[in-house]
Amino acid sequence: MGVRLANDVAEMESIGPIVPVGMHYYFITDKLASKMKILIGTDGSTDWLPFDVFLANRQGEEFTAHFKIRVFMKGGVMSIHTQHFGVEHGGWKRS
């Protein structure tokens, strides 16, 4: 499992978690928050940025979920708006 923001190199986990059907996965956003503070400071926003999530099932089939995110910073606090654009079978293009 992993994620890629815009044209960055994907950040992949060595052992991905198992997310049961109907459950959720919590993204750790510390690295994203650090990048955004550098990019837009403590107050501002980004345009819509491509955000891909790389997933696999127990059989090892790979999938890519495509999103766009818009990041807002207010007083150093980050909020994220998302739009989902579908899931592609395969598509693990990490760079």
C-alpha atoms as a PDB file:
ATOM      1  CA  MET A   1       0.000   0.000   0.000  1.00  0.00           C
ATOM      2  CA  GLY A   2       1.163   3.531  -0.620  1.00  0.00           C
ATOM      3  CA  VAL A   3       0.296   7.041  -1.722  1.00  0.00           C
ATOM      4  CA  ARG A   4       1.563   9.598  -4.235  1.00  0.00           C
ATOM      5  CA  LEU A   5       0.850  13.332  -4.207  1.00  0.00           C
ATOM      6  CA  ALA A   6       1.002  15.148  -7.562  1.00  0.00           C
ATOM      7  CA  ASN A   7       4.250  14.235  -9.342  1.00  0.00           C
ATOM      8  CA  ASP A   8       6.131  13.129  -6.212  1.00  0.00           C
ATOM      9  CA  VAL A   9       7.615   9.656  -5.920  1.00  0.00           C
ATOM     10  CA  ALA A  10       5.180   7.288  -4.231  1.00  0.00           C
ATOM     11  CA  GLU A  11       5.613   6.568  -0.530  1.00  0.00           C
ATOM     12  CA  MET A  12       5.086   2.817  -0.155  1.00  0.00           C
ATOM     13  CA  GLU A  13       4.632   0.782   3.033  1.00  0.00           C
ATOM     14  CA  SER A  14       6.807  -2.327   3.244  1.00  0.00           C
ATOM     15  CA  ILE A  15       3.914  -4.320   4.702  1.00  0.00           C
ATOM     16  CA  GLY A  16       0.489  -2.924   3.873  1.00  0.00           C
ATOM     17  CA  PRO A  17      -2.370  -3.164   6.355  1.00  0.00           C
ATOM     18  CA  ILE A  18      -5.422  -5.334   5.725  1.00  0.00           C
ATOM     19  CA  VAL A  19      -8.534  -3.168   5.528  1.00  0.00           C
ATOM     20  CA  PRO A  20     -11.659  -5.361   5.826  1.00  0.00           C
ATOM     21  CA  VAL A  21     -14.589  -4.731   3.485  1.00  0.00           C
ATOM     22  CA  GLY A  22     -16.796  -1.943   4.832  1.00  0.00           C
ATOM     23  CA  MET A  23     -14.098  -0.592   7.148  1.00  0.00           C
ATOM     24  CA  HIS A  24     -11.826   2.437   6.797  1.00  0.00           C
ATOM     25  CA  TYR A  25      -8.150   3.296   6.737  1.00  0.00           C
ATOM     26  CA  TYR A  26      -6.707   6.345   8.483  1.00  0.00           C
ATOM     27  CA  PHE A  27      -3.982   8.164   6.546  1.00  0.00           C
ATOM     28  CA  ILE A  28      -1.136   9.569   8.620  1.00  0.00           C
ATOM     29  CA  THR A  29      -0.783  13.123   7.293  1.00  0.00           C
ATOM     30  CA  ASP A  30       2.304  14.387   9.151  1.00  0.00           C
ATOM     31  CA  LYS A  31       4.487  14.403   6.005  1.00  0.00           C
ATOM     32  CA  LEU A  32       1.700  16.018   3.963  1.00  0.00           C
ATOM     33  CA  ALA A  33       1.224  18.734   6.596  1.00  0.00           C
ATOM     34  CA  SER A  34       4.968  19.478   6.599  1.00  0.00           C
ATOM     35  CA  LYS A  35       5.002  19.750   2.780  1.00  0.00           C
ATOM     36  CA  MET A  36       1.953  22.012   2.765  1.00  0.00           C
ATOM     37  CA  LYS A  37       3.390  24.365   5.399  1.00  0.00           C
ATOM     38  CA  ILE A  38       6.428  24.811   3.147  1.00  0.00           C
ATOM     39  CA  LEU A  39       4.315  25.152  -0.015  1.00  0.00           C
ATOM     40  CA  ILE A  40       1.543  27.475   1.227  1.00  0.00           C
ATOM     41  CA  GLY A  41       2.602  28.579   4.706  1.00  0.00           C
ATOM     42  CA  THR A  42       0.297  28.596   7.722  1.00  0.00           C
ATOM     43  CA  ASP A  43      -2.552  30.373   5.904  1.00  0.00           C
ATOM     44  CA  GLY A  44      -3.571  29.629   2.318  1.00  0.00           C
ATOM     45  CA  SER A  45      -4.669  26.854  -0.011  1.00  0.00           C
ATOM     46  CA  THR A  46      -3.548  24.769  -2.967  1.00  0.00           C
ATOM     47  CA  ASP A  47      -5.230  24.158  -6.285  1.00  0.00           C
ATOM     48  CA  TRP A  48      -6.638  20.652  -6.813  1.00  0.00           C
ATOM     49  CA  LEU A  49      -3.708  18.205  -6.688  1.00  0.00           C
ATOM     50  CA  PRO A  50      -3.668  14.603  -7.978  1.00  0.00           C
ATOM     51  CA  PHE A  51      -3.485  12.069  -5.136  1.00  0.00           C
ATOM     52  CA  ASP A  52      -3.211   8.335  -5.851  1.00  0.00           C
ATOM     53  CA  VAL A  53      -3.651   5.529  -3.336  1.00  0.00           C
ATOM     54  CA  PHE A  54      -2.041   2.178  -4.159  1.00  0.00           C
ATOM     55  CA  LEU A  55      -3.905  -0.860  -2.818  1.00  0.00           C
ATOM     56  CA  ALA A  56      -3.727  -4.636  -3.121  1.00  0.00           C
ATOM     57  CA  ASN A  57      -6.039  -7.458  -2.159  1.00  0.00           C
ATOM     58  CA  ARG A  58      -5.041 -10.661  -0.332  1.00  0.00           C
ATOM     59  CA  GLN A  59      -4.343 -12.358  -3.668  1.00  0.00           C
ATOM     60  CA  GLY A  60      -1.765  -9.672  -4.521  1.00  0.00           C
ATOM     61  CA  GLU A  61      -3.822  -7.954  -7.245  1.00  0.00           C
ATOM     62  CA  GLU A  62      -2.885  -4.276  -7.414  1.00  0.00           C
ATOM     63  CA  PHE A  63      -5.324  -1.367  -7.674  1.00  0.00           C
ATOM     64  CA  THR A  64      -4.926   2.406  -7.847  1.00  0.00           C
ATOM     65  CA  ALA A  65      -7.599   4.717  -6.427  1.00  0.00           C
ATOM     66  CA  HIS A  66      -7.447   8.168  -8.034  1.00  0.00           C
ATOM     67  CA  PHE A  67      -8.339  11.304  -6.089  1.00  0.00           C
ATOM     68  CA  LYS A  68      -7.794  15.026  -6.266  1.00  0.00           C
ATOM     69  CA  ILE A  69      -7.223  16.894  -3.034  1.00  0.00           C
ATOM     70  CA  ARG A  70      -7.278  20.547  -2.145  1.00  0.00           C
ATOM     71  CA  VAL A  71      -5.430  21.528   1.005  1.00  0.00           C
ATOM     72  CA  PHE A  72      -6.341  24.496   3.181  1.00  0.00           C
ATOM     73  CA  MET A  73      -4.193  25.876   5.981  1.00  0.00           C
ATOM     74  CA  LYS A  74      -5.628  28.273   8.552  1.00  0.00           C
ATOM     75  CA  GLY A  75      -3.469  29.242  11.494  1.00  0.00           C
ATOM     76  CA  GLY A  76      -1.255  26.236  10.771  1.00  0.00           C
ATOM     77  CA  VAL A  77      -4.192  23.798  10.952  1.00  0.00           C
ATOM     78  CA  MET A  78      -4.653  21.704   7.820  1.00  0.00           C
ATOM     79  CA  SER A  79      -7.949  20.590   6.298  1.00  0.00           C
ATOM     80  CA  ILE A  80      -8.307  18.515   3.138  1.00  0.00           C
ATOM     81  CA  HIS A  81     -11.116  18.424   0.590  1.00  0.00           C
ATOM     82  CA  THR A  82     -11.236  15.331  -1.622  1.00  0.00           C
ATOM     83  CA  GLN A  83     -12.786  14.215  -4.897  1.00  0.00           C
ATOM     84  CA  HIS A  84     -12.675  10.550  -5.931  1.00  0.00           C
ATOM     85  CA  PHE A  85     -12.205   9.670  -9.622  1.00  0.00           C
ATOM     86  CA  GLY A  86     -12.435   5.886  -9.592  1.00  0.00           C
ATOM     87  CA  VAL A  87     -10.317   2.803  -9.056  1.00  0.00           C
ATOM     88  CA  GLU A  88      -8.073   1.274 -11.709  1.00  0.00           C
ATOM     89  CA  HIS A  89      -7.061  -2.395 -11.717  1.00  0.00           C
ATOM     90  CA  GLY A  90      -3.268  -2.355 -11.700  1.00  0.00           C
ATOM     91  CA  GLY A  91      -1.752   1.017 -12.401  1.00  0.00           C
ATOM     92  CA  TRP A  92       0.935   1.005  -9.711  1.00  0.00           C
ATOM     93  CA  LYS A  93       3.040   3.643 -11.456  1.00  0.00           C
ATOM     94  CA  ARG A  94       5.143   4.732  -8.482  1.00  0.00           C
ATOM     95  CA  SER A  95       7.049   7.610 -10.114  1.00  0.00           C
END
